[in-house]
Amino acid sequence: MKAFIIGLIIIAAAVFAIIPREIIGFGLGWGDDVLAFLRGGAPVAAILLGLVAVFIGISDIKDRAEARKEERE
């Protein structure tokens, strides 16, 4: 329950930070900064996820080759 309440507080704080002041009259107006961060971070995240997928694929290929060797013996 404690984690749930803390999560709601953090979500409320994030929404407060993103809301533009012009629309409601309060808020920090960080919406443009958040979008710029997401635009800059998306390619980096895609590269890192792609590298992880490649490493998992290589590991899978090695595991299959090892399983074939064990089946032959």
PDB file of N, CA and C in Angstrom:
ATOM      1  N   MET A   1       0.821  -1.194   0.000  1.00  0.00           N
ATOM      2  CA  MET A   1       0.000   0.000   0.000  1.00  0.00           C
ATOM      3  C   MET A   1       0.865   1.257   0.000  1.00  0.00           C
ATOM      4  N   LYS A   2       1.954   1.162   0.756  1.00  0.00           N
ATOM      5  CA  LYS A   2       2.861   2.301   0.852  1.00  0.00           C
ATOM      6  C   LYS A   2       3.466   2.626  -0.520  1.00  0.00           C
ATOM      7  N   ALA A   3       3.880   1.591  -1.241  1.00  0.00           N
ATOM      8  CA  ALA A   3       4.467   1.785  -2.568  1.00  0.00           C
ATOM      9  C   ALA A   3       3.441   2.368  -3.535  1.00  0.00           C
ATOM     10  N   PHE A   4       2.191   1.941  -3.412  1.00  0.00           N
ATOM     11  CA  PHE A   4       1.119   2.453  -4.271  1.00  0.00           C
ATOM     12  C   PHE A   4       0.926   3.953  -4.059  1.00  0.00           C
ATOM     13  N   ILE A   5       0.890   4.384  -2.834  1.00  0.00           N
ATOM     14  CA  ILE A   5       0.698   5.807  -2.517  1.00  0.00           C
ATOM     15  C   ILE A   5       1.891   6.624  -2.993  1.00  0.00           C
ATOM     16  N   ILE A   6       3.095   6.108  -2.763  1.00  0.00           N
ATOM     17  CA  ILE A   6       4.287   6.816  -3.234  1.00  0.00           C
ATOM     18  C   ILE A   6       4.289   6.906  -4.757  1.00  0.00           C
ATOM     19  N   GLY A   7       3.861   5.841  -5.429  1.00  0.00           N
ATOM     20  CA  GLY A   7       3.769   5.859  -6.889  1.00  0.00           C
ATOM     21  C   GLY A   7       2.792   6.909  -7.382  1.00  0.00           C
ATOM     22  N   LEU A   8       1.639   7.017  -6.726  1.00  0.00           N
ATOM     23  CA  LEU A   8       0.660   8.052  -7.105  1.00  0.00           C
ATOM     24  C   LEU A   8       1.213   9.454  -6.896  1.00  0.00           C
ATOM     25  N   ILE A   9       1.949   9.654  -5.831  1.00  0.00           N
ATOM     26  CA  ILE A   9       2.551  10.967  -5.563  1.00  0.00           C
ATOM     27  C   ILE A   9       3.582  11.308  -6.634  1.00  0.00           C
ATOM     28  N   ILE A  10       4.386  10.338  -7.021  1.00  0.00           N
ATOM     29  CA  ILE A  10       5.400  10.576  -8.053  1.00  0.00           C
ATOM     30  C   ILE A  10       4.743  10.870  -9.397  1.00  0.00           C
ATOM     31  N   ILE A  11       3.680  10.144  -9.735  1.00  0.00           N
ATOM     32  CA  ILE A  11       2.963  10.410 -10.984  1.00  0.00           C
ATOM     33  C   ILE A  11       2.360  11.806 -10.969  1.00  0.00           C
ATOM     34  N   ALA A  12       1.764  12.206  -9.839  1.00  0.00           N
ATOM     35  CA  ALA A  12       1.186  13.546  -9.727  1.00  0.00           C
ATOM     36  C   ALA A  12       2.261  14.619  -9.882  1.00  0.00           C
ATOM     37  N   ALA A  13       3.427  14.404  -9.290  1.00  0.00           N
ATOM     38  CA  ALA A  13       4.526  15.368  -9.409  1.00  0.00           C
ATOM     39  C   ALA A  13       5.005  15.470 -10.859  1.00  0.00           C
ATOM     40  N   ALA A  14       5.073  14.335 -11.555  1.00  0.00           N
ATOM     41  CA  ALA A  14       5.507  14.347 -12.953  1.00  0.00           C
ATOM     42  C   ALA A  14       4.496  15.082 -13.827  1.00  0.00           C
ATOM     43  N   VAL A  15       3.222  14.845 -13.601  1.00  0.00           N
ATOM     44  CA  VAL A  15       2.181  15.548 -14.368  1.00  0.00           C
ATOM     45  C   VAL A  15       2.245  17.037 -14.084  1.00  0.00           C
ATOM     46  N   PHE A  16       2.431  17.413 -12.819  1.00  0.00           N
ATOM     47  CA  PHE A  16       2.553  18.823 -12.448  1.00  0.00           C
ATOM     48  C   PHE A  16       3.741  19.467 -13.158  1.00  0.00           C
ATOM     49  N   ALA A  17       4.836  18.725 -13.291  1.00  0.00           N
ATOM     50  CA  ALA A  17       6.031  19.272 -13.939  1.00  0.00           C
ATOM     51  C   ALA A  17       5.832  19.442 -15.437  1.00  0.00           C
ATOM     52  N   ILE A  18       5.025  18.590 -16.064  1.00  0.00           N
ATOM     53  CA  ILE A  18       4.856  18.628 -17.514  1.00  0.00           C
ATOM     54  C   ILE A  18       3.788  19.632 -17.950  1.00  0.00           C
ATOM     55  N   ILE A  19       2.809  19.895 -17.103  1.00  0.00           N
ATOM     56  CA  ILE A  19       1.696  20.785 -17.473  1.00  0.00           C
ATOM     57  C   ILE A  19       2.217  22.184 -17.787  1.00  0.00           C
ATOM     58  N   PRO A  20       1.842  22.739 -18.941  1.00  0.00           N
ATOM     59  CA  PRO A  20       2.228  24.122 -19.254  1.00  0.00           C
ATOM     60  C   PRO A  20       1.462  25.116 -18.383  1.00  0.00           C
ATOM     61  N   ARG A  21       2.117  26.168 -17.979  1.00  0.00           N
ATOM     62  CA  ARG A  21       1.483  27.184 -17.132  1.00  0.00           C
ATOM     63  C   ARG A  21       0.344  27.895 -17.852  1.00  0.00           C
ATOM     64  N   GLU A  22       0.458  28.028 -19.160  1.00  0.00           N
ATOM     65  CA  GLU A  22      -0.530  28.797 -19.912  1.00  0.00           C
ATOM     66  C   GLU A  22      -1.901  28.128 -19.912  1.00  0.00           C
ATOM     67  N   ILE A  23      -1.954  26.827 -19.857  1.00  0.00           N
ATOM     68  CA  ILE A  23      -3.223  26.119 -19.974  1.00  0.00           C
ATOM     69  C   ILE A  23      -4.032  26.184 -18.682  1.00  0.00           C
ATOM     70  N   ILE A  24      -3.410  25.871 -17.567  1.00  0.00           N
ATOM     71  CA  ILE A  24      -4.155  25.762 -16.317  1.00  0.00           C
ATOM     72  C   ILE A  24      -3.826  26.906 -15.361  1.00  0.00           C
ATOM     73  N   GLY A  25      -2.685  27.505 -15.505  1.00  0.00           N
ATOM     74  CA  GLY A  25      -2.304  28.593 -14.624  1.00  0.00           C
ATOM     75  C   GLY A  25      -1.284  28.169 -13.583  1.00  0.00           C
ATOM     76  N   PHE A  26      -0.982  26.892 -13.528  1.00  0.00           N
ATOM     77  CA  PHE A  26       0.065  26.404 -12.635  1.00  0.00           C
ATOM     78  C   PHE A  26       0.788  25.265 -13.330  1.00  0.00           C
ATOM     79  N   GLY A  27       1.885  24.877 -12.780  1.00  0.00           N
ATOM     80  CA  GLY A  27       2.700  23.825 -13.386  1.00  0.00           C
ATOM     81  C   GLY A  27       4.074  24.366 -13.711  1.00  0.00           C
ATOM     82  N   LEU A  28       4.999  23.477 -13.952  1.00  0.00           N
ATOM     83  CA  LEU A  28       6.369  23.896 -14.218  1.00  0.00           C
ATOM     84  C   LEU A  28       6.643  24.131 -15.692  1.00  0.00           C
ATOM     85  N   GLY A  29       5.850  23.551 -16.562  1.00  0.00           N
ATOM     86  CA  GLY A  29       6.015  23.775 -17.992  1.00  0.00           C
ATOM     87  C   GLY A  29       7.213  23.082 -18.602  1.00  0.00           C
ATOM     88  N   TRP A  30       7.553  21.916 -18.116  1.00  0.00           N
ATOM     89  CA  TRP A  30       8.694  21.194 -18.628  1.00  0.00           C
ATOM     90  C   TRP A  30       8.333  20.290 -19.800  1.00  0.00           C
ATOM     91  N   GLY A  31       7.178  20.411 -20.360  1.00  0.00           N
ATOM     92  CA  GLY A  31       6.723  19.532 -21.431  1.00  0.00           C
ATOM     93  C   GLY A  31       7.655  19.508 -22.630  1.00  0.00           C
ATOM     94  N   ASP A  32       8.118  20.676 -23.064  1.00  0.00           N
ATOM     95  CA  ASP A  32       9.027  20.745 -24.217  1.00  0.00           C
ATOM     96  C   ASP A  32      10.363  20.059 -23.909  1.00  0.00           C
ATOM     97  N   ASP A  33      10.831  20.246 -22.675  1.00  0.00           N
ATOM     98  CA  ASP A  33      12.085  19.595 -22.283  1.00  0.00           C
ATOM     99  C   ASP A  33      11.937  18.075 -22.248  1.00  0.00           C
ATOM    100  N   VAL A  34      10.792  17.610 -21.784  1.00  0.00           N
ATOM    101  CA  VAL A  34      10.539  16.171 -21.735  1.00  0.00           C
ATOM    102  C   VAL A  34      10.506  15.600 -23.154  1.00  0.00           C
ATOM    103  N   LEU A  35       9.861  16.294 -24.070  1.00  0.00           N
ATOM    104  CA  LEU A  35       9.815  15.823 -25.456  1.00  0.00           C
ATOM    105  C   LEU A  35      11.204  15.824 -26.090  1.00  0.00           C
ATOM    106  N   ALA A  36      11.999  16.845 -25.803  1.00  0.00           N
ATOM    107  CA  ALA A  36      13.360  16.888 -26.338  1.00  0.00           C
ATOM    108  C   ALA A  36      14.186  15.729 -25.789  1.00  0.00           C
ATOM    109  N   PHE A  37      14.008  15.420 -24.512  1.00  0.00           N
ATOM    110  CA  PHE A  37      14.710  14.287 -23.902  1.00  0.00           C
ATOM    111  C   PHE A  37      14.296  12.976 -24.564  1.00  0.00           C
ATOM    112  N   LEU A  38      13.002  12.817 -24.795  1.00  0.00           N
ATOM    113  CA  LEU A  38      12.519  11.594 -25.422  1.00  0.00           C
ATOM    114  C   LEU A  38      13.013  11.465 -26.859  1.00  0.00           C
ATOM    115  N   ARG A  39      13.030  12.577 -27.595  1.00  0.00           N
ATOM    116  CA  ARG A  39      13.535  12.539 -28.970  1.00  0.00           C
ATOM    117  C   ARG A  39      15.018  12.195 -29.006  1.00  0.00           C
ATOM    118  N   GLY A  40      15.781  12.707 -28.055  1.00  0.00           N
ATOM    119  CA  GLY A  40      17.207  12.413 -28.009  1.00  0.00           C
ATOM    120  C   GLY A  40      17.511  11.038 -27.445  1.00  0.00           C
ATOM    121  N   GLY A  41      16.672  10.580 -26.537  1.00  0.00           N
ATOM    122  CA  GLY A  41      16.928   9.299 -25.888  1.00  0.00           C
ATOM    123  C   GLY A  41      16.433   8.099 -26.665  1.00  0.00           C
ATOM    124  N   ALA A  42      15.460   8.285 -27.537  1.00  0.00           N
ATOM    125  CA  ALA A  42      14.881   7.156 -28.272  1.00  0.00           C
ATOM    126  C   ALA A  42      15.913   6.454 -29.163  1.00  0.00           C
ATOM    127  N   PRO A  43      16.714   7.181 -29.948  1.00  0.00           N
ATOM    128  CA  PRO A  43      17.719   6.472 -30.764  1.00  0.00           C
ATOM    129  C   PRO A  43      18.763   5.747 -29.918  1.00  0.00           C
ATOM    130  N   VAL A  44      19.163   6.348 -28.820  1.00  0.00           N
ATOM    131  CA  VAL A  44      20.147   5.711 -27.948  1.00  0.00           C
ATOM    132  C   VAL A  44      19.553   4.437 -27.348  1.00  0.00           C
ATOM    133  N   ALA A  45      18.314   4.507 -26.895  1.00  0.00           N
ATOM    134  CA  ALA A  45      17.648   3.325 -26.336  1.00  0.00           C
ATOM    135  C   ALA A  45      17.489   2.241 -27.404  1.00  0.00           C
ATOM    136  N   ALA A  46      17.180   2.635 -28.634  1.00  0.00           N
ATOM    137  CA  ALA A  46      17.032   1.664 -29.717  1.00  0.00           C
ATOM    138  C   ALA A  46      18.362   0.961 -30.000  1.00  0.00           C
ATOM    139  N   ILE A  47      19.449   1.704 -29.982  1.00  0.00           N
ATOM    140  CA  ILE A  47      20.766   1.102 -30.209  1.00  0.00           C
ATOM    141  C   ILE A  47      21.093   0.117 -29.092  1.00  0.00           C
ATOM    142  N   LEU A  48      20.859   0.506 -27.847  1.00  0.00           N
ATOM    143  CA  LEU A  48      21.155  -0.383 -26.731  1.00  0.00           C
ATOM    144  C   LEU A  48      20.285  -1.636 -26.763  1.00  0.00           C
ATOM    145  N   LEU A  49      19.008  -1.487 -27.065  1.00  0.00           N
ATOM    146  CA  LEU A  49      18.131  -2.651 -27.166  1.00  0.00           C
ATOM    147  C   LEU A  49      18.540  -3.551 -28.321  1.00  0.00           C
ATOM    148  N   GLY A  50      18.965  -2.960 -29.419  1.00  0.00           N
ATOM    149  CA  GLY A  50      19.446  -3.745 -30.546  1.00  0.00           C
ATOM    150  C   GLY A  50      20.692  -4.545 -30.191  1.00  0.00           C
ATOM    151  N   LEU A  51      21.616  -3.928 -29.454  1.00  0.00           N
ATOM    152  CA  LEU A  51      22.816  -4.647 -29.021  1.00  0.00           C
ATOM    153  C   LEU A  51      22.461  -5.811 -28.105  1.00  0.00           C
ATOM    154  N   VAL A  52      21.529  -5.587 -27.192  1.00  0.00           N
ATOM    155  CA  VAL A  52      21.094  -6.664 -26.306  1.00  0.00           C
ATOM    156  C   VAL A  52      20.489  -7.801 -27.115  1.00  0.00           C
ATOM    157  N   ALA A  53      19.672  -7.471 -28.110  1.00  0.00           N
ATOM    158  CA  ALA A  53      19.058  -8.498 -28.947  1.00  0.00           C
ATOM    159  C   ALA A  53      20.120  -9.283 -29.722  1.00  0.00           C
ATOM    160  N   VAL A  54      21.145  -8.610 -30.217  1.00  0.00           N
ATOM    161  CA  VAL A  54      22.218  -9.289 -30.940  1.00  0.00           C
ATOM    162  C   VAL A  54      22.957 -10.242 -29.998  1.00  0.00           C
ATOM    163  N   PHE A  55      23.286  -9.783 -28.791  1.00  0.00           N
ATOM    164  CA  PHE A  55      23.981 -10.646 -27.841  1.00  0.00           C
ATOM    165  C   PHE A  55      23.130 -11.851 -27.442  1.00  0.00           C
ATOM    166  N   ILE A  56      21.840 -11.650 -27.276  1.00  0.00           N
ATOM    167  CA  ILE A  56      20.950 -12.774 -26.965  1.00  0.00           C
ATOM    168  C   ILE A  56      20.911 -13.750 -28.132  1.00  0.00           C
ATOM    169  N   GLY A  57      20.867 -13.240 -29.346  1.00  0.00           N
ATOM    170  CA  GLY A  57      20.872 -14.101 -30.524  1.00  0.00           C
ATOM    171  C   GLY A  57      22.151 -14.910 -30.639  1.00  0.00           C
ATOM    172  N   ILE A  58      23.286 -14.279 -30.387  1.00  0.00           N
ATOM    173  CA  ILE A  58      24.566 -14.994 -30.425  1.00  0.00           C
ATOM    174  C   ILE A  58      24.594 -16.085 -29.365  1.00  0.00           C
ATOM    175  N   SER A  59      24.135 -15.768 -28.175  1.00  0.00           N
ATOM    176  CA  SER A  59      24.087 -16.755 -27.103  1.00  0.00           C
ATOM    177  C   SER A  59      23.178 -17.927 -27.463  1.00  0.00           C
ATOM    178  N   ASP A  60      22.054 -17.626 -28.085  1.00  0.00           N
ATOM    179  CA  ASP A  60      21.117 -18.680 -28.502  1.00  0.00           C
ATOM    180  C   ASP A  60      21.745 -19.593 -29.544  1.00  0.00           C
ATOM    181  N   ILE A  61      22.458 -19.015 -30.494  1.00  0.00           N
ATOM    182  CA  ILE A  61      23.135 -19.812 -31.520  1.00  0.00           C
ATOM    183  C   ILE A  61      24.177 -20.725 -30.879  1.00  0.00           C
ATOM    184  N   LYS A  62      24.946 -20.205 -29.927  1.00  0.00           N
ATOM    185  CA  LYS A  62      25.950 -21.019 -29.245  1.00  0.00           C
ATOM    186  C   LYS A  62      25.293 -22.136 -28.451  1.00  0.00           C
ATOM    187  N   ASP A  63      24.183 -21.846 -27.788  1.00  0.00           N
ATOM    188  CA  ASP A  63      23.481 -22.875 -27.012  1.00  0.00           C
ATOM    189  C   ASP A  63      22.951 -23.985 -27.918  1.00  0.00           C
ATOM    190  N   ARG A  64      22.420 -23.620 -29.057  1.00  0.00           N
ATOM    191  CA  ARG A  64      21.918 -24.629 -30.001  1.00  0.00           C
ATOM    192  C   ARG A  64      23.053 -25.505 -30.524  1.00  0.00           C
ATOM    193  N   ALA A  65      24.192 -24.889 -30.827  1.00  0.00           N
ATOM    194  CA  ALA A  65      25.338 -25.659 -31.317  1.00  0.00           C
ATOM    195  C   ALA A  65      25.824 -26.620 -30.235  1.00  0.00           C
ATOM    196  N   GLU A  66      25.852 -26.170 -29.010  1.00  0.00           N
ATOM    197  CA  GLU A  66      26.278 -27.025 -27.904  1.00  0.00           C
ATOM    198  C   GLU A  66      25.283 -28.166 -27.683  1.00  0.00           C
ATOM    199  N   ALA A  67      23.989 -27.888 -27.819  1.00  0.00           N
ATOM    200  CA  ALA A  67      22.969 -28.933 -27.659  1.00  0.00           C
ATOM    201  C   ALA A  67      23.111 -29.979 -28.764  1.00  0.00           C
ATOM    202  N   ARG A  68      23.441 -29.563 -29.982  1.00  0.00           N
ATOM    203  CA  ARG A  68      23.633 -30.518 -31.089  1.00  0.00           C
ATOM    204  C   ARG A  68      24.835 -31.418 -30.815  1.00  0.00           C
ATOM    205  N   LYS A  69      25.905 -30.833 -30.256  1.00  0.00           N
ATOM    206  CA  LYS A  69      27.084 -31.629 -29.932  1.00  0.00           C
ATOM    207  C   LYS A  69      26.749 -32.692 -28.894  1.00  0.00           C
ATOM    208  N   GLU A  70      25.979 -32.313 -27.883  1.00  0.00           N
ATOM    209  CA  GLU A  70      25.611 -33.249 -26.824  1.00  0.00           C
ATOM    210  C   GLU A  70      24.692 -34.346 -27.356  1.00  0.00           C
ATOM    211  N   GLU A  71      23.825 -34.027 -28.313  1.00  0.00           N
ATOM    212  CA  GLU A  71      22.938 -35.032 -28.890  1.00  0.00           C
ATOM    213  C   GLU A  71      23.721 -36.047 -29.708  1.00  0.00           C
ATOM    214  N   ARG A  72      24.764 -35.613 -30.384  1.00  0.00           N
ATOM    215  CA  ARG A  72      25.583 -36.504 -31.189  1.00  0.00           C
ATOM    216  C   ARG A  72      26.353 -37.499 -30.319  1.00  0.00           C
ATOM    217  N   GLU A  73      26.721 -37.070 -29.126  1.00  0.00           N
ATOM    218  CA  GLU A  73      27.518 -37.934 -28.234  1.00  0.00           C
ATOM    219  C   GLU A  73      26.670 -38.852 -27.483  1.00  0.00           C
TER     220      GLU A  73
END
